[in-house]
Amino acid sequence: MGEPAAGSSLNARRRARELRRAAEERVDVLVVGLGATGAGAALDAASRGLSVAAIDAHDLAFGTSRWSSKLVHGGLRYLAKGQVDVAYESAVERGVLLRTTAPHLVKAHPYMLPLTPAVSRRQAAMVAAGYRLGDALRAAARTPRRLLPGPTRLTAARTRTLAPVLSGDGLRGALLSWDGRLLDDARLVVAIARTAAAHGARVLTRCRALRLSEGGADVRDELTGEKFTIRARAVINATGAWAGSLDPQVRLRPSRGTHLVLSPGTLHGLIAGMHVPIPGESNRFALVLPQNDGRVYVGLTDEPLDGPVPDVPEAPEEDVRTLLEVLNGILEAPVTREAVAGAYAGLRPLLAADGRTADLSRRHAVLSGGGVVTVVGGKLTTYRRMAEDAVDRAVSAMRLPGGRSRTKKIPLVGAGPQPSGVPVRLAERYGGEAQAVHELVKAHPEEVGLGITKGELLWSVRHEGALDEGDLLDRRTRIGLVKRDRDRALPATRDVLRGTPHA
């Protein structure tokens, strides 16, 4: 039977053991927040030879990182705003993921801009020029064309082949571009966290930071209620939209991005993703993203969030109506509200400034003071660079012995040689570990939903740090995005958890 990557397994037994040690010892770096950036900071620091504890009040990828559009993009929108440096950084980091760190999780995917009567010839020419500039950024970032093909124009007939749901009235064809795409953003975070654990980081979920200080943090074990202190030479606050609650100097203006989840079969025959111009906006597009499980995601809004920041933001009905209206503007037959099986909303941790949240910069910022380094802003694509900058600041400010970042060249768990003779779906989700997962699936083949089996849930409990049904259904898998699918999967999920109480 295959085995997980050495030292990378996260489970309840390891958590209990390392939680005790975290309370007893002083670490070089304490990272608070285990989204992509926090997990990335834990990996960056640990791979420099520093001792690391990384905590989260909830689970891996509990916050913004699991609510993305699943895009790993080259930053075309930033080019249009003249932010060439931000676009280039995105293109570089996309190339790192495609080539080295996560080729099993990030693949090239085609996206069409349908040339409907609502898209003027001038607008089409501007978008085409942007695609060519984006391809130039790809070349500058040294991403080979075999990994990311170049843009082209499609005829109306070819466009309808890739998207038969489109209205043919006045359709002039489409502009086709390629960008990076994640099968599952939460799986990327799990891979980063497990890679950090393999390098010696203590990855501790259900561990809430109550107060940060120059010498560490007061924390509470959310499973037992026990309070204790984790002592650290440097503290990195990577809690995203919640960063201001731990660091008063941080002023954020979060924005809400809502996605719809359409039932399988709703947009039958859709192969490529689509960019759909938002009426009244010169450079904003809705995304239509077909998924391997048959669902289709449609997003996303960009609305300011007023008031307290919730742990799990709600997708308001107004956002649902807005996205359906944009989508139905290009379809032969409209999508009804009943076809929306679910919806989700994520929060972008944008630095406060005047103007609309849609216009605020996506540049990240690293702030320091009082012995705490806070990293905010940015986007999923550039998580690795954000983590590197945060650890650089911590190393410099606290004179830690770590050298330069190594994470550009560290493959994440699963990025090794791909096994043969395993189901394609497992290879896409688990990469080099697919054979080991397959052995569990053969022993526990009962399906729980979306083709996912009890064997995969067991793998998540034994090796991916899943502690309860929410971890399994909402983050290690995405069954929970649709309530009826979640309800059907609950009995089998509880069976798995009862059978592995001390994994």
Protein backbone atom coordinates (compact mmCIF):
# COMPACT_ATOMS: atom_id res chain seq x y z
CA MET A 1 0.00 0.00 0.00
CA GLY A 2 1.25 3.52 -0.81
CA GLU A 3 2.09 5.97 1.95
CA PRO A 4 1.62 9.71 2.40
CA ALA A 5 4.57 12.06 1.99
CA ALA A 6 6.97 11.59 4.91
CA GLY A 7 6.11 13.64 7.97
CA SER A 8 3.16 15.35 6.25
CA SER A 9 0.23 13.58 7.90
CA LEU A 10 -2.05 15.80 9.98
CA ASN A 11 -4.53 14.14 12.34
CA ALA A 12 -6.03 14.35 15.82
CA ARG A 13 -3.21 12.41 17.46
CA ARG A 14 -0.51 14.64 16.00
CA ARG A 15 -2.49 17.75 16.92
CA ALA A 16 -2.74 16.70 20.58
CA ARG A 17 0.97 15.89 20.75
CA GLU A 18 2.13 19.12 19.11
CA LEU A 19 -0.33 21.28 21.04
CA ARG A 20 1.32 20.11 24.28
CA ARG A 21 4.75 20.95 22.90
CA ALA A 22 3.61 24.35 21.64
CA ALA A 23 2.55 25.24 25.18
CA GLU A 24 5.90 24.16 26.61
CA GLU A 25 8.48 25.45 24.14
CA ARG A 26 9.39 28.73 22.49
CA VAL A 27 9.32 28.82 18.69
CA ASP A 28 11.04 31.16 16.28
CA VAL A 29 7.84 32.03 14.40
CA LEU A 30 4.18 31.83 15.34
CA VAL A 31 1.83 32.16 12.35
CA VAL A 32 -1.81 33.00 13.07
CA GLY A 33 -4.23 32.03 10.31
CA LEU A 34 -4.14 28.92 8.13
CA GLY A 35 -5.48 30.10 4.83
CA ALA A 36 -3.18 30.02 1.81
CA THR A 37 -0.98 32.89 3.01
CA GLY A 38 -0.69 31.67 6.61
CA ALA A 39 0.03 28.09 5.58
CA GLY A 40 2.48 29.50 3.05
CA ALA A 41 4.23 31.52 5.76
CA ALA A 42 4.51 28.41 7.93
CA LEU A 43 6.10 26.52 5.04
CA ASP A 44 8.40 29.40 4.15
CA ALA A 45 9.67 29.82 7.71
CA ALA A 46 10.01 26.08 8.40
CA SER A 47 11.88 25.48 5.15
CA ARG A 48 14.40 28.14 6.22
CA GLY A 49 15.17 26.00 9.26
CA LEU A 50 13.14 28.06 11.74
CA SER A 51 10.93 26.44 14.38
CA VAL A 52 7.29 27.21 13.61
CA ALA A 53 3.85 26.94 15.17
CA ALA A 54 0.88 27.81 12.95
CA ILE A 55 -2.61 28.10 14.41
CA ASP A 56 -6.15 28.77 13.25
CA ALA A 57 -9.34 29.26 15.26
CA HIS A 58 -11.18 26.95 12.89
CA ASP A 59 -9.80 24.70 10.14
CA LEU A 60 -7.41 24.82 7.22
CA ALA A 61 -8.86 27.07 4.49
CA PHE A 62 -11.81 28.01 6.69
CA GLY A 63 -11.87 31.67 5.61
CA THR A 64 -11.36 33.44 2.30
CA SER A 65 -9.10 30.85 0.68
CA ARG A 66 -11.91 28.33 0.08
CA TRP A 67 -14.31 30.89 -1.41
CA SER A 68 -12.30 31.93 -4.49
CA SER A 69 -13.15 31.55 -8.18
CA LYS A 70 -10.51 28.78 -8.32
CA LEU A 71 -8.50 30.90 -10.77
CA VAL A 72 -4.72 31.12 -10.77
CA HIS A 73 -4.44 34.07 -13.07
CA GLY A 74 -1.92 36.27 -14.77
CA GLY A 75 -3.43 39.57 -13.72
CA LEU A 76 -5.03 40.93 -16.91
CA ARG A 77 -7.32 43.15 -14.88
CA TYR A 78 -4.32 44.78 -13.21
CA LEU A 79 -2.75 45.50 -16.60
CA ALA A 80 -5.89 47.39 -17.56
CA LYS A 81 -5.46 49.52 -14.43
CA GLY A 82 -1.79 50.19 -15.24
CA GLN A 83 -0.58 48.02 -12.34
CA VAL A 84 2.07 46.25 -14.39
CA ASP A 85 4.06 45.19 -11.33
CA VAL A 86 1.03 43.47 -9.78
CA ALA A 87 0.20 41.75 -13.08
CA TYR A 88 3.79 40.57 -13.53
CA GLU A 89 3.91 39.23 -9.97
CA SER A 90 0.71 37.28 -10.68
CA ALA A 91 2.16 35.87 -13.90
CA VAL A 92 5.36 34.79 -12.14
CA GLU A 93 3.51 33.08 -9.29
CA ARG A 94 1.13 31.38 -11.71
CA GLY A 95 4.16 29.97 -13.49
CA VAL A 96 5.68 28.71 -10.23
CA LEU A 97 2.47 26.81 -9.44
CA LEU A 98 2.09 25.38 -12.95
CA ARG A 99 5.73 24.31 -13.32
CA THR A 100 7.03 23.40 -9.89
CA THR A 101 5.02 23.65 -6.72
CA ALA A 102 1.53 22.38 -7.64
CA PRO A 103 1.33 21.05 -11.22
CA HIS A 104 -1.07 18.37 -9.97
CA LEU A 105 -3.53 20.95 -8.65
CA VAL A 106 -3.13 23.84 -11.12
CA LYS A 107 -3.80 23.32 -14.83
CA ALA A 108 -4.34 25.54 -17.85
CA HIS A 109 -7.99 26.07 -18.74
CA PRO A 110 -9.67 27.88 -21.67
CA TYR A 111 -11.91 30.90 -21.15
CA MET A 112 -14.08 32.53 -23.80
CA LEU A 113 -15.36 36.07 -24.10
CA PRO A 114 -18.46 35.61 -26.33
CA LEU A 115 -18.73 38.41 -28.86
CA THR A 116 -22.40 39.14 -28.40
CA PRO A 117 -24.11 42.32 -29.65
CA ALA A 118 -23.47 43.79 -26.17
CA VAL A 119 -19.69 43.63 -26.83
CA SER A 120 -18.73 46.42 -29.22
CA ARG A 121 -15.98 45.91 -31.78
CA ARG A 122 -13.92 48.53 -29.97
CA GLN A 123 -14.29 46.70 -26.65
CA ALA A 124 -13.42 43.40 -28.35
CA ALA A 125 -10.28 44.98 -29.83
CA MET A 126 -9.23 46.27 -26.42
CA VAL A 127 -9.76 42.87 -24.79
CA ALA A 128 -7.82 41.14 -27.58
CA ALA A 129 -4.94 43.58 -27.06
CA GLY A 130 -5.07 42.81 -23.35
CA TYR A 131 -4.87 39.08 -24.06
CA ARG A 132 -1.77 39.65 -26.19
CA LEU A 133 -0.19 41.67 -23.39
CA GLY A 134 -1.07 38.89 -20.98
CA ASP A 135 0.66 36.40 -23.24
CA ALA A 136 3.72 38.66 -23.26
CA LEU A 137 3.67 38.56 -19.45
CA ARG A 138 3.51 34.77 -19.64
CA ALA A 139 6.66 34.81 -21.75
CA ALA A 140 8.36 37.30 -19.43
CA ALA A 141 7.53 35.04 -16.49
CA ARG A 142 9.12 32.13 -18.43
CA THR A 143 6.02 29.98 -18.38
CA PRO A 144 6.28 27.68 -21.43
CA ARG A 145 3.46 27.74 -23.97
CA ARG A 146 3.01 23.99 -23.57
CA LEU A 147 1.71 24.75 -20.07
CA LEU A 148 -0.30 27.83 -21.05
CA PRO A 149 -1.39 28.20 -24.70
CA GLY A 150 -1.78 31.60 -26.31
CA PRO A 151 -4.97 33.52 -27.13
CA THR A 152 -6.94 33.15 -30.34
CA ARG A 153 -10.25 34.12 -31.97
CA LEU A 154 -13.03 31.60 -32.55
CA THR A 155 -15.76 31.53 -35.16
CA ALA A 156 -19.38 31.60 -34.07
CA ALA A 157 -19.74 27.92 -34.96
CA ARG A 158 -16.73 26.90 -32.88
CA THR A 159 -17.94 29.09 -30.02
CA ARG A 160 -21.29 27.28 -29.96
CA THR A 161 -19.44 23.94 -29.94
CA LEU A 162 -17.64 24.89 -26.72
CA ALA A 163 -20.71 26.59 -25.24
CA PRO A 164 -23.93 25.34 -26.88
CA VAL A 165 -25.97 27.20 -24.25
CA LEU A 166 -25.07 30.57 -25.79
CA SER A 167 -27.63 32.54 -27.71
CA GLY A 168 -26.80 32.58 -31.42
CA ASP A 169 -28.53 35.90 -32.06
CA GLY A 170 -25.87 38.28 -33.34
CA LEU A 171 -23.01 36.11 -32.02
CA ARG A 172 -19.79 37.02 -33.89
CA GLY A 173 -17.63 34.33 -32.30
CA ALA A 174 -15.47 34.60 -29.20
CA LEU A 175 -12.04 35.57 -27.95
CA LEU A 176 -10.34 32.57 -26.35
CA SER A 177 -7.63 32.89 -23.71
CA TRP A 178 -5.98 30.48 -21.29
CA ASP A 179 -5.27 30.88 -17.61
CA GLY A 180 -4.46 28.74 -14.59
CA ARG A 181 -7.22 26.98 -12.72
CA LEU A 182 -7.46 25.09 -9.45
CA LEU A 183 -9.62 22.02 -9.18
CA ASP A 184 -10.18 23.04 -5.54
CA ASP A 185 -8.69 26.01 -3.68
CA ALA A 186 -9.11 24.36 -0.27
CA ARG A 187 -7.07 21.36 -1.47
CA LEU A 188 -4.23 23.75 -2.32
CA VAL A 189 -4.24 25.06 1.27
CA VAL A 190 -4.23 21.51 2.65
CA ALA A 191 -1.24 20.67 0.44
CA ILE A 192 0.64 23.77 1.62
CA ALA A 193 -0.08 23.05 5.29
CA ARG A 194 0.96 19.40 4.98
CA THR A 195 4.17 20.42 3.22
CA ALA A 196 4.87 22.83 6.08
CA ALA A 197 4.26 19.98 8.54
CA ALA A 198 6.71 17.79 6.60
CA HIS A 199 9.31 20.53 7.15
CA GLY A 200 8.66 20.48 10.90
CA ALA A 201 5.98 23.14 11.38
CA ARG A 202 3.36 22.48 14.07
CA VAL A 203 0.06 22.95 12.27
CA LEU A 204 -2.70 23.40 14.87
CA THR A 205 -6.33 23.92 13.93
CA ARG A 206 -9.09 24.77 16.45
CA CYS A 207 -6.60 26.96 18.31
CA ARG A 208 -7.80 30.57 18.61
CA ALA A 209 -5.46 33.51 19.16
CA LEU A 210 -6.99 35.77 21.81
CA ARG A 211 -4.22 38.36 21.95
CA LEU A 212 -0.97 38.90 20.05
CA SER A 213 2.15 40.39 21.60
CA GLU A 214 5.84 40.79 20.88
CA GLY A 215 6.52 37.57 22.78
CA GLY A 216 3.84 35.35 21.26
CA ALA A 217 0.11 34.92 21.75
CA ASP A 218 -2.50 33.99 24.31
CA VAL A 219 -4.54 31.21 22.76
CA ARG A 220 -7.49 28.94 23.51
CA ASP A 221 -7.95 25.34 22.46
CA GLU A 222 -11.42 25.50 20.92
CA LEU A 223 -11.97 21.78 21.50
CA THR A 224 -11.35 21.83 25.27
CA GLY A 225 -11.61 25.51 26.22
CA GLU A 226 -8.12 25.39 27.79
CA LYS A 227 -6.15 28.65 27.61
CA PHE A 228 -2.38 28.88 27.39
CA THR A 229 0.45 30.92 25.86
CA ILE A 230 2.52 30.14 22.80
CA ARG A 231 5.86 31.90 23.13
CA ALA A 232 7.53 33.06 19.93
CA ARG A 233 10.37 35.29 18.81
CA ALA A 234 8.25 36.61 15.93
CA VAL A 235 4.50 36.63 15.26
CA ILE A 236 2.92 36.76 11.79
CA ASN A 237 -0.75 37.77 11.60
CA ALA A 238 -2.12 36.16 8.42
CA THR A 239 -5.81 36.21 9.32
CA GLY A 240 -6.89 38.12 6.20
CA ALA A 241 -10.19 39.95 6.53
CA TRP A 242 -10.05 39.34 10.31
CA ALA A 243 -6.54 40.83 10.75
CA GLY A 244 -7.82 44.06 12.30
CA SER A 245 -9.34 42.21 15.27
CA LEU A 246 -5.83 41.13 16.33
CA ASP A 247 -3.83 44.15 15.12
CA PRO A 248 -5.52 47.54 15.77
CA GLN A 249 -3.15 49.37 13.40
CA VAL A 250 -4.67 47.53 10.42
CA ARG A 251 -7.55 49.28 8.66
CA LEU A 252 -9.33 47.05 6.20
CA ARG A 253 -12.30 47.53 3.96
CA PRO A 254 -13.40 43.99 3.12
CA SER A 255 -15.45 43.35 0.02
CA ARG A 256 -17.85 40.47 -0.53
CA GLY A 257 -17.51 38.25 -3.57
CA THR A 258 -20.50 35.97 -4.18
CA HIS A 259 -20.61 32.88 -6.42
CA LEU A 260 -23.59 30.81 -7.49
CA VAL A 261 -23.47 27.02 -7.65
CA LEU A 262 -25.65 25.76 -10.51
CA SER A 263 -26.98 22.21 -10.47
CA PRO A 264 -25.33 19.66 -12.78
CA GLY A 265 -26.84 19.79 -16.25
CA THR A 266 -27.96 23.41 -15.98
CA LEU A 267 -25.51 24.59 -18.68
CA HIS A 268 -25.36 21.34 -20.60
CA GLY A 269 -22.38 20.89 -22.89
CA LEU A 270 -20.35 23.83 -21.55
CA ILE A 271 -16.67 22.96 -21.95
CA ALA A 272 -14.79 26.24 -21.63
CA GLY A 273 -15.09 28.85 -18.93
CA MET A 274 -16.60 32.17 -19.96
CA HIS A 275 -16.00 35.83 -19.26
CA VAL A 276 -19.25 37.80 -19.38
CA PRO A 277 -19.05 41.62 -19.44
CA ILE A 278 -20.94 43.26 -16.60
CA PRO A 279 -23.26 45.95 -17.99
CA GLY A 280 -22.10 49.46 -17.19
CA GLU A 281 -18.56 48.36 -16.29
CA SER A 282 -15.66 48.88 -18.68
CA ASN A 283 -13.30 46.27 -17.24
CA ARG A 284 -15.29 43.88 -15.07
CA PHE A 285 -16.52 40.47 -16.07
CA ALA A 286 -18.58 37.73 -14.48
CA LEU A 287 -17.04 34.27 -14.64
CA VAL A 288 -18.80 31.08 -15.66
CA LEU A 289 -16.75 28.11 -14.49
CA PRO A 290 -17.76 24.52 -15.31
CA GLN A 291 -16.60 22.00 -12.69
CA ASN A 292 -15.55 18.38 -13.04
CA ASP A 293 -18.45 17.28 -10.82
CA GLY A 294 -21.00 18.74 -13.26
CA ARG A 295 -21.76 21.82 -11.24
CA VAL A 296 -21.12 25.29 -12.66
CA TYR A 297 -19.89 28.25 -10.59
CA VAL A 298 -20.96 31.76 -11.60
CA GLY A 299 -19.33 34.77 -9.99
CA LEU A 300 -18.49 37.13 -8.69
CA THR A 301 -19.76 40.26 -7.10
CA ASP A 302 -17.60 42.95 -5.49
CA GLU A 303 -19.59 44.70 -2.78
CA PRO A 304 -18.35 46.47 0.36
CA LEU A 305 -19.00 44.69 3.66
CA ASP A 306 -20.32 46.94 6.39
CA GLY A 307 -20.25 46.08 10.06
CA PRO A 308 -18.58 43.17 11.88
CA VAL A 309 -16.73 40.56 9.83
CA PRO A 310 -18.59 37.22 10.10
CA ASP A 311 -16.79 33.89 10.29
CA VAL A 312 -18.83 32.61 7.33
CA PRO A 313 -20.31 35.37 5.16
CA GLU A 314 -23.76 34.90 3.64
CA ALA A 315 -24.52 35.25 -0.06
CA PRO A 316 -27.46 37.71 -0.15
CA GLU A 317 -30.38 37.18 -2.52
CA GLU A 318 -29.57 40.50 -4.20
CA ASP A 319 -26.21 39.08 -5.34
CA VAL A 320 -27.94 35.95 -6.65
CA ARG A 321 -30.35 38.04 -8.73
CA THR A 322 -27.54 40.23 -10.07
CA LEU A 323 -25.41 37.30 -11.21
CA LEU A 324 -28.37 35.51 -12.83
CA GLU A 325 -29.26 38.68 -14.71
CA VAL A 326 -25.71 39.00 -16.09
CA LEU A 327 -25.55 35.32 -17.02
CA ASN A 328 -28.96 35.22 -18.69
CA GLY A 329 -27.99 38.13 -20.93
CA ILE A 330 -25.92 35.75 -23.09
CA LEU A 331 -27.89 32.48 -22.94
CA GLU A 332 -30.33 30.88 -25.38
CA ALA A 333 -32.58 29.78 -22.49
CA PRO A 334 -32.49 31.64 -19.16
CA VAL A 335 -31.32 29.96 -15.96
CA THR A 336 -34.05 30.07 -13.34
CA ARG A 337 -33.64 30.68 -9.63
CA GLU A 338 -34.54 27.02 -9.04
CA ALA A 339 -31.39 25.93 -10.89
CA VAL A 340 -29.23 27.68 -8.27
CA ALA A 341 -28.43 24.76 -5.95
CA GLY A 342 -26.23 26.80 -3.65
CA ALA A 343 -24.23 29.99 -3.26
CA TYR A 344 -21.14 31.06 -1.37
CA ALA A 345 -19.47 34.34 -0.51
CA GLY A 346 -15.88 35.18 0.36
CA LEU A 347 -14.28 38.31 1.78
CA ARG A 348 -11.37 40.09 0.16
CA PRO A 349 -9.04 41.65 2.80
CA LEU A 350 -8.54 44.99 1.04
CA LEU A 351 -6.67 47.86 2.65
CA ALA A 352 -8.97 50.75 3.46
CA ALA A 353 -9.07 53.59 0.96
CA ASP A 354 -11.58 55.90 -0.67
CA GLY A 355 -13.68 54.73 -3.61
CA ARG A 356 -15.47 51.53 -4.53
CA THR A 357 -14.07 48.23 -3.25
CA ALA A 358 -14.03 47.05 -6.89
CA ASP A 359 -11.46 49.76 -7.61
CA LEU A 360 -9.18 49.17 -4.61
CA SER A 361 -5.71 47.82 -5.30
CA ARG A 362 -5.09 44.09 -5.00
CA ARG A 363 -1.48 44.73 -3.97
CA HIS A 364 -0.58 43.07 -0.72
CA ALA A 365 0.97 44.91 2.19
CA VAL A 366 3.24 43.80 5.03
CA LEU A 367 2.87 45.91 8.18
CA SER A 368 4.87 45.60 11.37
CA GLY A 369 4.74 47.06 14.84
CA GLY A 370 4.68 45.91 18.44
CA GLY A 371 6.55 42.75 17.53
CA VAL A 372 3.79 41.58 15.15
CA VAL A 373 4.05 41.34 11.36
CA THR A 374 0.68 41.53 9.58
CA VAL A 375 0.20 40.60 5.92
CA VAL A 376 -3.01 41.67 4.16
CA GLY A 377 -4.41 42.31 0.70
CA GLY A 378 -3.27 40.33 -2.30
CA LYS A 379 -4.96 37.32 -3.85
CA LEU A 380 -4.79 33.55 -3.89
CA THR A 381 -2.45 33.38 -6.90
CA THR A 382 0.29 35.29 -5.08
CA TYR A 383 -0.01 33.59 -1.68
CA ARG A 384 3.58 32.28 -1.88
CA ARG A 385 5.08 35.73 -2.51
CA MET A 386 2.96 37.26 0.25
CA ALA A 387 4.19 34.60 2.67
CA GLU A 388 7.79 35.14 1.62
CA ASP A 389 7.54 38.90 2.17
CA ALA A 390 5.98 38.40 5.62
CA VAL A 391 8.67 35.95 6.74
CA ASP A 392 11.40 38.22 5.32
CA ARG A 393 10.06 41.06 7.47
CA ALA A 394 9.88 38.85 10.58
CA VAL A 395 13.41 37.52 10.04
CA SER A 396 14.76 41.03 9.57
CA ALA A 397 12.85 42.68 12.41
CA MET A 398 13.62 40.02 15.00
CA ARG A 399 17.06 39.06 13.66
CA LEU A 400 16.14 35.43 13.23
CA PRO A 401 18.73 33.03 11.79
CA GLY A 402 16.68 32.06 8.72
CA GLY A 403 18.23 32.48 5.29
CA ARG A 404 16.46 33.33 2.03
CA SER A 405 13.13 31.87 0.98
CA ARG A 406 13.26 28.47 -0.73
CA THR A 407 9.58 27.97 -1.53
CA LYS A 408 9.82 28.72 -5.27
CA LYS A 409 11.52 25.36 -5.65
CA ILE A 410 9.66 23.25 -3.06
CA PRO A 411 7.01 20.97 -4.61
CA LEU A 412 3.88 20.68 -2.49
CA VAL A 413 2.61 17.34 -1.23
CA GLY A 414 1.33 15.37 -4.22
CA ALA A 415 3.43 17.18 -6.82
CA GLY A 416 5.78 14.24 -7.40
CA PRO A 417 5.62 11.57 -10.11
CA GLN A 418 2.03 10.83 -11.05
CA PRO A 419 0.91 7.22 -10.58
CA SER A 420 -0.59 5.15 -13.38
CA GLY A 421 -3.48 2.75 -13.09
CA VAL A 422 -5.57 4.88 -10.73
CA PRO A 423 -8.88 6.62 -11.53
CA VAL A 424 -8.39 9.97 -13.23
CA ARG A 425 -10.49 11.70 -10.57
CA LEU A 426 -8.12 10.55 -7.82
CA ALA A 427 -5.04 11.56 -9.82
CA GLU A 428 -6.51 15.05 -10.28
CA ARG A 429 -7.25 15.46 -6.59
CA TYR A 430 -4.26 13.75 -4.97
CA GLY A 431 -1.45 13.79 -7.52
CA GLY A 432 1.46 11.60 -6.46
CA GLU A 433 -0.49 10.30 -3.46
CA ALA A 434 -3.35 8.97 -5.58
CA GLN A 435 -2.13 5.37 -5.36
CA ALA A 436 -2.17 5.47 -1.57
CA VAL A 437 -5.67 6.98 -1.60
CA HIS A 438 -6.78 4.39 -4.14
CA GLU A 439 -5.88 1.58 -1.73
CA LEU A 440 -8.21 3.09 0.87
CA VAL A 441 -10.93 3.62 -1.72
CA LYS A 442 -10.77 -0.04 -2.76
CA ALA A 443 -11.19 -1.04 0.89
CA HIS A 444 -13.99 1.52 1.52
CA PRO A 445 -15.70 2.13 -1.85
CA GLU A 446 -19.06 3.36 -0.53
CA GLU A 447 -19.93 6.64 -2.27
CA VAL A 448 -20.95 9.61 -0.10
CA GLY A 449 -21.60 12.17 -2.87
CA LEU A 450 -20.16 13.64 -6.09
CA GLY A 451 -18.32 10.37 -6.68
CA ILE A 452 -16.37 10.78 -3.42
CA THR A 453 -16.02 7.63 -1.31
CA LYS A 454 -15.64 6.72 2.34
CA GLY A 455 -12.03 5.82 1.56
CA GLU A 456 -11.28 9.44 0.65
CA LEU A 457 -12.90 10.70 3.83
CA LEU A 458 -10.75 8.25 5.80
CA TRP A 459 -7.67 9.63 4.04
CA SER A 460 -8.68 13.15 5.08
CA VAL A 461 -9.09 12.12 8.73
CA ARG A 462 -5.82 10.17 8.85
CA HIS A 463 -3.61 12.48 6.81
CA GLU A 464 -5.27 15.84 6.03
CA GLY A 465 -6.18 17.07 9.51
CA ALA A 466 -9.97 16.70 9.22
CA LEU A 467 -11.51 16.59 12.71
CA ASP A 468 -15.26 16.79 12.14
CA GLU A 469 -17.99 16.56 9.53
CA GLY A 470 -17.62 20.23 8.54
CA ASP A 471 -13.95 19.70 7.76
CA LEU A 472 -14.82 16.70 5.58
CA LEU A 473 -17.86 18.01 3.74
CA ASP A 474 -17.08 21.73 3.47
CA ARG A 475 -13.31 21.86 2.98
CA ARG A 476 -11.64 18.49 2.21
CA THR A 477 -14.48 17.94 -0.25
CA ARG A 478 -16.99 20.49 -1.55
CA ILE A 479 -20.06 18.34 -1.10
CA GLY A 480 -21.35 20.86 1.44
CA LEU A 481 -21.72 23.69 -1.09
CA VAL A 482 -25.18 22.29 -1.86
CA LYS A 483 -27.32 21.66 1.23
CA ARG A 484 -29.21 18.68 -0.12
CA ASP A 485 -25.94 16.98 -1.11
CA ARG A 486 -24.55 17.72 2.33
CA ASP A 487 -27.59 16.28 4.07
CA ARG A 488 -27.35 13.07 2.04
CA ALA A 489 -23.65 12.69 2.85
CA LEU A 490 -23.93 13.27 6.61
CA PRO A 491 -24.74 9.70 7.75
CA ALA A 492 -21.77 8.17 5.90
CA THR A 493 -19.52 10.99 7.08
CA ARG A 494 -20.47 10.39 10.70
CA ASP A 495 -19.81 6.67 10.22
CA VAL A 496 -16.27 7.48 9.10
CA LEU A 497 -15.65 9.79 12.07
CA ARG A 498 -17.00 7.25 14.56
CA GLY A 499 -14.73 4.61 13.11
CA THR A 500 -11.55 6.71 13.43
CA PRO A 501 -11.83 8.57 16.76
CA HIS A 502 -8.09 8.72 17.42
CA ALA A 503 -6.63 8.98 13.94
